[in-house]
Each structure stands twice: as C-alpha cells, then as structure tokens.
Amino acid sequence: MTKLKKIPNFKTEKMERKFWESHDSSEYLDLSKAKRAVLPNLKLSTKTISLRLPEGLLDNIKVEANKRDMPYQSLIKVWLTKEIQESRQL
C-alpha cells in the first residue's frame, strides 16, 4: 500500500477549500477505513421562493398532486429534482 501524504494545517477554511479543489483526497485519506456518518437531527436547508405560474398550469399541477395524494409544492419539487438528475446524466 502506498504511504499517505500528511494533510497540512490550514489557517482558514478558505485556504483548506482551495487546497482540496486542487488535490486528490485519495492521496491523503485511506477511504477503506471510512465510516458512514449518521446525522439524525440534520434538516435540509430550504429557501422560500415566489413563482408565478399561469392559473391553468397550477390547476393541472394540483390535479396531478391530488392523484398522488401529496401537496402540490412537494410534487413540483419531485419533478424539478427528477429533471435535474436526468439532465446531469447526459
């Protein structure tokens, strides 16, 4: 096994971020010994936005959400997430 490099001490988070943007972490960390982190109280950060939609479109979204027995805002998030994931796979 290759000897791992020593992780430098960083004076600021900005310096650390810059370092990891240009270095391969596999040269510094033995990922075979990594353990899954469990953060049970972590809440996803969300931001409220205002979005203007044509009334007919919003009505159609509400009908689709009702078919799935879910709030229409949640359905919009599901659709947006799916679209973004699919577009990134191209």
PDB file of N, CA and C in Angstrom:
ATOM      1  N   MET A   1       0.839  -1.187   0.000  1.00  0.00           N
ATOM      2  CA  MET A   1       0.000   0.000   0.000  1.00  0.00           C
ATOM      3  C   MET A   1       0.880   1.245   0.000  1.00  0.00           C
ATOM      4  N   THR A   2       0.455   2.247  -0.728  1.00  0.00           N
ATOM      5  CA  THR A   2       1.201   3.492  -0.833  1.00  0.00           C
ATOM      6  C   THR A   2       1.057   4.296   0.455  1.00  0.00           C
ATOM      7  N   LYS A   3       2.153   4.922   0.863  1.00  0.00           N
ATOM      8  CA  LYS A   3       2.120   5.742   2.068  1.00  0.00           C
ATOM      9  C   LYS A   3       1.301   7.003   1.797  1.00  0.00           C
ATOM     10  N   LEU A   4       0.435   7.330   2.732  1.00  0.00           N
ATOM     11  CA  LEU A   4      -0.421   8.503   2.580  1.00  0.00           C
ATOM     12  C   LEU A   4       0.349   9.775   2.895  1.00  0.00           C
ATOM     13  N   LYS A   5      -0.005  10.833   2.185  1.00  0.00           N
ATOM     14  CA  LYS A   5       0.594  12.141   2.444  1.00  0.00           C
ATOM     15  C   LYS A   5      -0.048  12.750   3.689  1.00  0.00           C
ATOM     16  N   LYS A   6       0.702  13.616   4.380  1.00  0.00           N
ATOM     17  CA  LYS A   6       0.191  14.283   5.579  1.00  0.00           C
ATOM     18  C   LYS A   6      -0.684  15.461   5.161  1.00  0.00           C
ATOM     19  N   ILE A   7      -1.861  15.557   5.767  1.00  0.00           N
ATOM     20  CA  ILE A   7      -2.760  16.683   5.484  1.00  0.00           C
ATOM     21  C   ILE A   7      -2.190  17.916   6.162  1.00  0.00           C
ATOM     22  N   PRO A   8      -2.006  19.003   5.404  1.00  0.00           N
ATOM     23  CA  PRO A   8      -1.452  20.211   6.013  1.00  0.00           C
ATOM     24  C   PRO A   8      -2.423  20.860   7.004  1.00  0.00           C
ATOM     25  N   ASN A   9      -1.895  21.706   7.861  1.00  0.00           N
ATOM     26  CA  ASN A   9      -2.737  22.515   8.749  1.00  0.00           C
ATOM     27  C   ASN A   9      -3.118  23.775   7.984  1.00  0.00           C
ATOM     28  N   PHE A  10      -4.372  24.140   8.070  1.00  0.00           N
ATOM     29  CA  PHE A  10      -4.862  25.304   7.337  1.00  0.00           C
ATOM     30  C   PHE A  10      -5.222  26.408   8.309  1.00  0.00           C
ATOM     31  N   LYS A  11      -4.887  27.637   7.941  1.00  0.00           N
ATOM     32  CA  LYS A  11      -5.197  28.780   8.799  1.00  0.00           C
ATOM     33  C   LYS A  11      -6.652  29.206   8.656  1.00  0.00           C
ATOM     34  N   THR A  12      -7.221  28.983   7.483  1.00  0.00           N
ATOM     35  CA  THR A  12      -8.602  29.391   7.260  1.00  0.00           C
ATOM     36  C   THR A  12      -9.333  28.310   6.469  1.00  0.00           C
ATOM     37  N   GLU A  13     -10.653  28.352   6.547  1.00  0.00           N
ATOM     38  CA  GLU A  13     -11.465  27.421   5.771  1.00  0.00           C
ATOM     39  C   GLU A  13     -11.277  27.678   4.278  1.00  0.00           C
ATOM     40  N   LYS A  14     -11.098  28.928   3.905  1.00  0.00           N
ATOM     41  CA  LYS A  14     -10.881  29.285   2.501  1.00  0.00           C
ATOM     42  C   LYS A  14      -9.606  28.627   1.965  1.00  0.00           C
ATOM     43  N   MET A  15      -8.551  28.632   2.773  1.00  0.00           N
ATOM     44  CA  MET A  15      -7.298  28.003   2.354  1.00  0.00           C
ATOM     45  C   MET A  15      -7.480  26.494   2.194  1.00  0.00           C
ATOM     46  N   GLU A  16      -8.228  25.895   3.118  1.00  0.00           N
ATOM     47  CA  GLU A  16      -8.470  24.458   3.039  1.00  0.00           C
ATOM     48  C   GLU A  16      -9.284  24.118   1.785  1.00  0.00           C
ATOM     49  N   ARG A  17     -10.311  24.899   1.528  1.00  0.00           N
ATOM     50  CA  ARG A  17     -11.147  24.671   0.346  1.00  0.00           C
ATOM     51  C   ARG A  17     -10.308  24.762  -0.937  1.00  0.00           C
ATOM     52  N   LYS A  18      -9.454  25.767  -1.010  1.00  0.00           N
ATOM     53  CA  LYS A  18      -8.595  25.948  -2.187  1.00  0.00           C
ATOM     54  C   LYS A  18      -7.656  24.748  -2.362  1.00  0.00           C
ATOM     55  N   PHE A  19      -7.125  24.249  -1.238  1.00  0.00           N
ATOM     56  CA  PHE A  19      -6.236  23.091  -1.289  1.00  0.00           C
ATOM     57  C   PHE A  19      -6.963  21.880  -1.861  1.00  0.00           C
ATOM     58  N   TRP A  20      -8.160  21.558  -1.318  1.00  0.00           N
ATOM     59  CA  TRP A  20      -8.867  20.354  -1.753  1.00  0.00           C
ATOM     60  C   TRP A  20      -9.417  20.474  -3.166  1.00  0.00           C
ATOM     61  N   GLU A  21      -9.585  21.700  -3.659  1.00  0.00           N
ATOM     62  CA  GLU A  21     -10.019  21.882  -5.050  1.00  0.00           C
ATOM     63  C   GLU A  21      -8.939  21.445  -6.035  1.00  0.00           C
ATOM     64  N   SER A  22      -7.693  21.413  -5.576  1.00  0.00           N
ATOM     65  CA  SER A  22      -6.598  21.098  -6.495  1.00  0.00           C
ATOM     66  C   SER A  22      -5.812  19.841  -6.098  1.00  0.00           C
ATOM     67  N   HIS A  23      -6.268  19.102  -5.099  1.00  0.00           N
ATOM     68  CA  HIS A  23      -5.565  17.899  -4.657  1.00  0.00           C
ATOM     69  C   HIS A  23      -6.519  16.716  -4.583  1.00  0.00           C
ATOM     70  N   ASP A  24      -6.016  15.554  -4.858  1.00  0.00           N
ATOM     71  CA  ASP A  24      -6.794  14.320  -4.805  1.00  0.00           C
ATOM     72  C   ASP A  24      -6.782  13.789  -3.377  1.00  0.00           C
ATOM     73  N   SER A  25      -7.962  13.694  -2.766  1.00  0.00           N
ATOM     74  CA  SER A  25      -8.041  13.275  -1.363  1.00  0.00           C
ATOM     75  C   SER A  25      -7.574  11.831  -1.150  1.00  0.00           C
ATOM     76  N   SER A  26      -7.598  11.014  -2.204  1.00  0.00           N
ATOM     77  CA  SER A  26      -7.171   9.614  -2.048  1.00  0.00           C
ATOM     78  C   SER A  26      -5.682   9.498  -1.743  1.00  0.00           C
ATOM     79  N   GLU A  27      -4.923  10.557  -1.978  1.00  0.00           N
ATOM     80  CA  GLU A  27      -3.509  10.555  -1.635  1.00  0.00           C
ATOM     81  C   GLU A  27      -3.285  10.884  -0.153  1.00  0.00           C
ATOM     82  N   TYR A  28      -4.353  11.340   0.528  1.00  0.00           N
ATOM     83  CA  TYR A  28      -4.250  11.792   1.911  1.00  0.00           C
ATOM     84  C   TYR A  28      -5.086  10.966   2.887  1.00  0.00           C
ATOM     85  N   LEU A  29      -6.110  10.291   2.387  1.00  0.00           N
ATOM     86  CA  LEU A  29      -7.031   9.561   3.253  1.00  0.00           C
ATOM     87  C   LEU A  29      -7.162   8.115   2.809  1.00  0.00           C
ATOM     88  N   ASP A  30      -7.228   7.211   3.762  1.00  0.00           N
ATOM     89  CA  ASP A  30      -7.474   5.803   3.468  1.00  0.00           C
ATOM     90  C   ASP A  30      -8.988   5.595   3.530  1.00  0.00           C
ATOM     91  N   LEU A  31      -9.625   5.667   2.365  1.00  0.00           N
ATOM     92  CA  LEU A  31     -11.075   5.601   2.317  1.00  0.00           C
ATOM     93  C   LEU A  31     -11.616   4.219   2.666  1.00  0.00           C
ATOM     94  N   SER A  32     -10.761   3.201   2.685  1.00  0.00           N
ATOM     95  CA  SER A  32     -11.229   1.865   3.070  1.00  0.00           C
ATOM     96  C   SER A  32     -11.572   1.811   4.563  1.00  0.00           C
ATOM     97  N   LYS A  33     -11.092   2.782   5.324  1.00  0.00           N
ATOM     98  CA  LYS A  33     -11.370   2.833   6.762  1.00  0.00           C
ATOM     99  C   LYS A  33     -12.470   3.846   7.094  1.00  0.00           C
ATOM    100  N   ALA A  34     -13.058   4.445   6.072  1.00  0.00           N
ATOM    101  CA  ALA A  34     -14.102   5.447   6.299  1.00  0.00           C
ATOM    102  C   ALA A  34     -15.361   4.793   6.847  1.00  0.00           C
ATOM    103  N   LYS A  35     -16.059   5.522   7.687  1.00  0.00           N
ATOM    104  CA  LYS A  35     -17.322   5.058   8.250  1.00  0.00           C
ATOM    105  C   LYS A  35     -18.417   6.033   7.836  1.00  0.00           C
ATOM    106  N   ARG A  36     -19.608   5.492   7.637  1.00  0.00           N
ATOM    107  CA  ARG A  36     -20.740   6.327   7.261  1.00  0.00           C
ATOM    108  C   ARG A  36     -21.129   7.225   8.428  1.00  0.00           C
ATOM    109  N   ALA A  37     -21.288   8.502   8.150  1.00  0.00           N
ATOM    110  CA  ALA A  37     -21.716   9.449   9.173  1.00  0.00           C
ATOM    111  C   ALA A  37     -23.239   9.401   9.291  1.00  0.00           C
ATOM    112  N   VAL A  38     -23.719   9.425  10.502  1.00  0.00           N
ATOM    113  CA  VAL A  38     -25.154   9.449  10.756  1.00  0.00           C
ATOM    114  C   VAL A  38     -25.480  10.772  11.442  1.00  0.00           C
ATOM    115  N   LEU A  39     -26.326  11.562  10.796  1.00  0.00           N
ATOM    116  CA  LEU A  39     -26.711  12.867  11.327  1.00  0.00           C
ATOM    117  C   LEU A  39     -28.231  12.915  11.433  1.00  0.00           C
ATOM    118  N   PRO A  40     -28.790  12.287  12.486  1.00  0.00           N
ATOM    119  CA  PRO A  40     -30.240  12.121  12.565  1.00  0.00           C
ATOM    120  C   PRO A  40     -31.020  13.425  12.730  1.00  0.00           C
ATOM    121  N   ASN A  41     -30.415  14.453  13.265  1.00  0.00           N
ATOM    122  CA  ASN A  41     -31.138  15.703  13.510  1.00  0.00           C
ATOM    123  C   ASN A  41     -30.888  16.760  12.438  1.00  0.00           C
ATOM    124  N   LEU A  42     -30.196  16.385  11.380  1.00  0.00           N
ATOM    125  CA  LEU A  42     -29.885  17.330  10.321  1.00  0.00           C
ATOM    126  C   LEU A  42     -31.125  17.594   9.490  1.00  0.00           C
ATOM    127  N   LYS A  43     -31.442  18.845   9.312  1.00  0.00           N
ATOM    128  CA  LYS A  43     -32.582  19.220   8.494  1.00  0.00           C
ATOM    129  C   LYS A  43     -32.063  19.860   7.207  1.00  0.00           C
ATOM    130  N   LEU A  44     -32.668  19.500   6.095  1.00  0.00           N
ATOM    131  CA  LEU A  44     -32.262  20.090   4.830  1.00  0.00           C
ATOM    132  C   LEU A  44     -32.585  21.579   4.854  1.00  0.00           C
ATOM    133  N   SER A  45     -31.675  22.356   4.359  1.00  0.00           N
ATOM    134  CA  SER A  45     -31.951  23.785   4.311  1.00  0.00           C
ATOM    135  C   SER A  45     -32.829  24.064   3.096  1.00  0.00           C
ATOM    136  N   THR A  46     -33.817  24.885   3.299  1.00  0.00           N
ATOM    137  CA  THR A  46     -34.721  25.246   2.217  1.00  0.00           C
ATOM    138  C   THR A  46     -34.835  26.756   2.159  1.00  0.00           C
ATOM    139  N   LYS A  47     -35.231  27.229   1.012  1.00  0.00           N
ATOM    140  CA  LYS A  47     -35.422  28.654   0.817  1.00  0.00           C
ATOM    141  C   LYS A  47     -36.777  28.853   0.166  1.00  0.00           C
ATOM    142  N   THR A  48     -37.541  29.757   0.693  1.00  0.00           N
ATOM    143  CA  THR A  48     -38.844  30.063   0.135  1.00  0.00           C
ATOM    144  C   THR A  48     -38.668  30.962  -1.081  1.00  0.00           C
ATOM    145  N   ILE A  49     -39.370  30.606  -2.148  1.00  0.00           N
ATOM    146  CA  ILE A  49     -39.337  31.428  -3.358  1.00  0.00           C
ATOM    147  C   ILE A  49     -40.767  31.763  -3.758  1.00  0.00           C
ATOM    148  N   SER A  50     -40.891  32.759  -4.580  1.00  0.00           N
ATOM    149  CA  SER A  50     -42.182  33.111  -5.159  1.00  0.00           C
ATOM    150  C   SER A  50     -42.096  32.798  -6.648  1.00  0.00           C
ATOM    151  N   LEU A  51     -43.060  32.041  -7.131  1.00  0.00           N
ATOM    152  CA  LEU A  51     -43.040  31.607  -8.523  1.00  0.00           C
ATOM    153  C   LEU A  51     -44.406  31.881  -9.130  1.00  0.00           C
ATOM    154  N   ARG A  52     -44.444  32.663 -10.170  1.00  0.00           N
ATOM    155  CA  ARG A  52     -45.705  32.974 -10.834  1.00  0.00           C
ATOM    156  C   ARG A  52     -45.947  31.944 -11.938  1.00  0.00           C
ATOM    157  N   LEU A  53     -47.104  31.282 -11.847  1.00  0.00           N
ATOM    158  CA  LEU A  53     -47.483  30.278 -12.836  1.00  0.00           C
ATOM    159  C   LEU A  53     -48.842  30.638 -13.407  1.00  0.00           C
ATOM    160  N   PRO A  54     -49.069  30.311 -14.665  1.00  0.00           N
ATOM    161  CA  PRO A  54     -50.420  30.501 -15.205  1.00  0.00           C
ATOM    162  C   PRO A  54     -51.406  29.668 -14.387  1.00  0.00           C
ATOM    163  N   GLU A  55     -52.602  30.223 -14.156  1.00  0.00           N
ATOM    164  CA  GLU A  55     -53.588  29.535 -13.310  1.00  0.00           C
ATOM    165  C   GLU A  55     -53.891  28.132 -13.821  1.00  0.00           C
ATOM    166  N   GLY A  56     -54.003  27.976 -15.134  1.00  0.00           N
ATOM    167  CA  GLY A  56     -54.311  26.662 -15.701  1.00  0.00           C
ATOM    168  C   GLY A  56     -53.221  25.643 -15.393  1.00  0.00           C
ATOM    169  N   LEU A  57     -51.977  26.067 -15.484  1.00  0.00           N
ATOM    170  CA  LEU A  57     -50.858  25.175 -15.175  1.00  0.00           C
ATOM    171  C   LEU A  57     -50.897  24.764 -13.704  1.00  0.00           C
ATOM    172  N   LEU A  58     -51.109  25.741 -12.827  1.00  0.00           N
ATOM    173  CA  LEU A  58     -51.174  25.432 -11.404  1.00  0.00           C
ATOM    174  C   LEU A  58     -52.347  24.492 -11.102  1.00  0.00           C
ATOM    175  N   ASP A  59     -53.466  24.713 -11.742  1.00  0.00           N
ATOM    176  CA  ASP A  59     -54.615  23.820 -11.551  1.00  0.00           C
ATOM    177  C   ASP A  59     -54.267  22.397 -11.974  1.00  0.00           C
ATOM    178  N   ASN A  60     -53.581  22.265 -13.113  1.00  0.00           N
ATOM    179  CA  ASN A  60     -53.182  20.928 -13.590  1.00  0.00           C
ATOM    180  C   ASN A  60     -52.196  20.266 -12.630  1.00  0.00           C
ATOM    181  N   ILE A  61     -51.270  21.045 -12.089  1.00  0.00           N
ATOM    182  CA  ILE A  61     -50.317  20.503 -11.121  1.00  0.00           C
ATOM    183  C   ILE A  61     -51.054  20.025  -9.877  1.00  0.00           C
ATOM    184  N   LYS A  62     -52.034  20.792  -9.422  1.00  0.00           N
ATOM    185  CA  LYS A  62     -52.807  20.417  -8.236  1.00  0.00           C
ATOM    186  C   LYS A  62     -53.594  19.135  -8.475  1.00  0.00           C
ATOM    187  N   VAL A  63     -54.127  18.965  -9.693  1.00  0.00           N
ATOM    188  CA  VAL A  63     -54.846  17.729 -10.029  1.00  0.00           C
ATOM    189  C   VAL A  63     -53.891  16.542  -9.963  1.00  0.00           C
ATOM    190  N   GLU A  64     -52.693  16.691 -10.549  1.00  0.00           N
ATOM    191  CA  GLU A  64     -51.706  15.611 -10.530  1.00  0.00           C
ATOM    192  C   GLU A  64     -51.265  15.292  -9.101  1.00  0.00           C
ATOM    193  N   ALA A  65     -51.087  16.320  -8.294  1.00  0.00           N
ATOM    194  CA  ALA A  65     -50.689  16.115  -6.899  1.00  0.00           C
ATOM    195  C   ALA A  65     -51.796  15.391  -6.136  1.00  0.00           C
ATOM    196  N   ASN A  66     -53.035  15.761  -6.406  1.00  0.00           N
ATOM    197  CA  ASN A  66     -54.163  15.117  -5.739  1.00  0.00           C
ATOM    198  C   ASN A  66     -54.223  13.637  -6.088  1.00  0.00           C
ATOM    199  N   LYS A  67     -53.941  13.294  -7.356  1.00  0.00           N
ATOM    200  CA  LYS A  67     -53.906  11.886  -7.770  1.00  0.00           C
ATOM    201  C   LYS A  67     -52.875  11.099  -6.973  1.00  0.00           C
ATOM    202  N   ARG A  68     -51.798  11.774  -6.601  1.00  0.00           N
ATOM    203  CA  ARG A  68     -50.700  11.121  -5.867  1.00  0.00           C
ATOM    204  C   ARG A  68     -50.840  11.299  -4.354  1.00  0.00           C
ATOM    205  N   ASP A  69     -51.889  11.995  -3.940  1.00  0.00           N
ATOM    206  CA  ASP A  69     -52.146  12.251  -2.525  1.00  0.00           C
ATOM    207  C   ASP A  69     -50.950  12.928  -1.856  1.00  0.00           C
ATOM    208  N   MET A  70     -50.511  14.030  -2.491  1.00  0.00           N
ATOM    209  CA  MET A  70     -49.391  14.781  -1.935  1.00  0.00           C
ATOM    210  C   MET A  70     -49.612  16.271  -2.191  1.00  0.00           C
ATOM    211  N   PRO A  71     -48.997  17.134  -1.395  1.00  0.00           N
ATOM    212  CA  PRO A  71     -49.127  18.575  -1.638  1.00  0.00           C
ATOM    213  C   PRO A  71     -48.517  18.951  -2.993  1.00  0.00           C
ATOM    214  N   TYR A  72     -49.135  19.918  -3.660  1.00  0.00           N
ATOM    215  CA  TYR A  72     -48.650  20.278  -4.995  1.00  0.00           C
ATOM    216  C   TYR A  72     -47.233  20.839  -4.968  1.00  0.00           C
ATOM    217  N   GLN A  73     -46.860  21.535  -3.868  1.00  0.00           N
ATOM    218  CA  GLN A  73     -45.490  22.055  -3.776  1.00  0.00           C
ATOM    219  C   GLN A  73     -44.489  20.904  -3.738  1.00  0.00           C
ATOM    220  N   SER A  74     -44.830  19.830  -3.038  1.00  0.00           N
ATOM    221  CA  SER A  74     -43.942  18.660  -2.970  1.00  0.00           C
ATOM    222  C   SER A  74     -43.807  18.007  -4.333  1.00  0.00           C
ATOM    223  N   LEU A  75     -44.900  17.934  -5.075  1.00  0.00           N
ATOM    224  CA  LEU A  75     -44.845  17.348  -6.411  1.00  0.00           C
ATOM    225  C   LEU A  75     -43.947  18.178  -7.325  1.00  0.00           C
ATOM    226  N   ILE A  76     -44.050  19.485  -7.229  1.00  0.00           N
ATOM    227  CA  ILE A  76     -43.178  20.355  -8.041  1.00  0.00           C
ATOM    228  C   ILE A  76     -41.716  20.079  -7.705  1.00  0.00           C
ATOM    229  N   LYS A  77     -41.398  19.929  -6.406  1.00  0.00           N
ATOM    230  CA  LYS A  77     -40.010  19.634  -6.013  1.00  0.00           C
ATOM    231  C   LYS A  77     -39.548  18.285  -6.561  1.00  0.00           C
ATOM    232  N   VAL A  78     -40.438  17.290  -6.513  1.00  0.00           N
ATOM    233  CA  VAL A  78     -40.094  15.965  -7.054  1.00  0.00           C
ATOM    234  C   VAL A  78     -39.797  16.073  -8.540  1.00  0.00           C
ATOM    235  N   TRP A  79     -40.659  16.759  -9.267  1.00  0.00           N
ATOM    236  CA  TRP A  79     -40.452  16.902 -10.715  1.00  0.00           C
ATOM    237  C   TRP A  79     -39.163  17.657 -11.031  1.00  0.00           C
ATOM    238  N   LEU A  80     -38.904  18.730 -10.314  1.00  0.00           N
ATOM    239  CA  LEU A  80     -37.681  19.500 -10.562  1.00  0.00           C
ATOM    240  C   LEU A  80     -36.436  18.675 -10.258  1.00  0.00           C
ATOM    241  N   THR A  81     -36.463  17.947  -9.149  1.00  0.00           N
ATOM    242  CA  THR A  81     -35.327  17.102  -8.777  1.00  0.00           C
ATOM    243  C   THR A  81     -35.069  16.044  -9.841  1.00  0.00           C
ATOM    244  N   LYS A  82     -36.135  15.391 -10.286  1.00  0.00           N
ATOM    245  CA  LYS A  82     -36.001  14.350 -11.314  1.00  0.00           C
ATOM    246  C   LYS A  82     -35.436  14.923 -12.608  1.00  0.00           C
ATOM    247  N   GLU A  83     -35.927  16.049 -13.013  1.00  0.00           N
ATOM    248  CA  GLU A  83     -35.454  16.699 -14.253  1.00  0.00           C
ATOM    249  C   GLU A  83     -33.982  17.053 -14.171  1.00  0.00           C
ATOM    250  N   ILE A  84     -33.558  17.592 -13.040  1.00  0.00           N
ATOM    251  CA  ILE A  84     -32.155  17.974 -12.865  1.00  0.00           C
ATOM    252  C   ILE A  84     -31.264  16.732 -12.873  1.00  0.00           C
ATOM    253  N   GLN A  85     -31.691  15.671 -12.174  1.00  0.00           N
ATOM    254  CA  GLN A  85     -30.892  14.433 -12.137  1.00  0.00           C
ATOM    255  C   GLN A  85     -30.768  13.847 -13.535  1.00  0.00           C
ATOM    256  N   GLU A  86     -31.849  13.850 -14.296  1.00  0.00           N
ATOM    257  CA  GLU A  86     -31.793  13.292 -15.650  1.00  0.00           C
ATOM    258  C   GLU A  86     -30.923  14.138 -16.560  1.00  0.00           C
ATOM    259  N   SER A  87     -30.995  15.449 -16.434  1.00  0.00           N
ATOM    260  CA  SER A  87     -30.187  16.305 -17.310  1.00  0.00           C
ATOM    261  C   SER A  87     -28.705  16.208 -16.994  1.00  0.00           C
ATOM    262  N   ARG A  88     -28.353  15.887 -15.759  1.00  0.00           N
ATOM    263  CA  ARG A  88     -26.939  15.737 -15.378  1.00  0.00           C
ATOM    264  C   ARG A  88     -26.352  14.416 -15.843  1.00  0.00           C
ATOM    265  N   GLN A  89     -27.203  13.457 -16.194  1.00  0.00           N
ATOM    266  CA  GLN A  89     -26.725  12.149 -16.637  1.00  0.00           C
ATOM    267  C   GLN A  89     -26.392  12.136 -18.118  1.00  0.00           C
ATOM    268  N   LEU A  90     -26.711  13.185 -18.811  1.00  0.00           N
ATOM    269  CA  LEU A  90     -26.439  13.226 -20.266  1.00  0.00           C
ATOM    270  C   LEU A  90     -24.971  13.318 -20.564  1.00  0.00           C
TER     271      LEU A  90
END
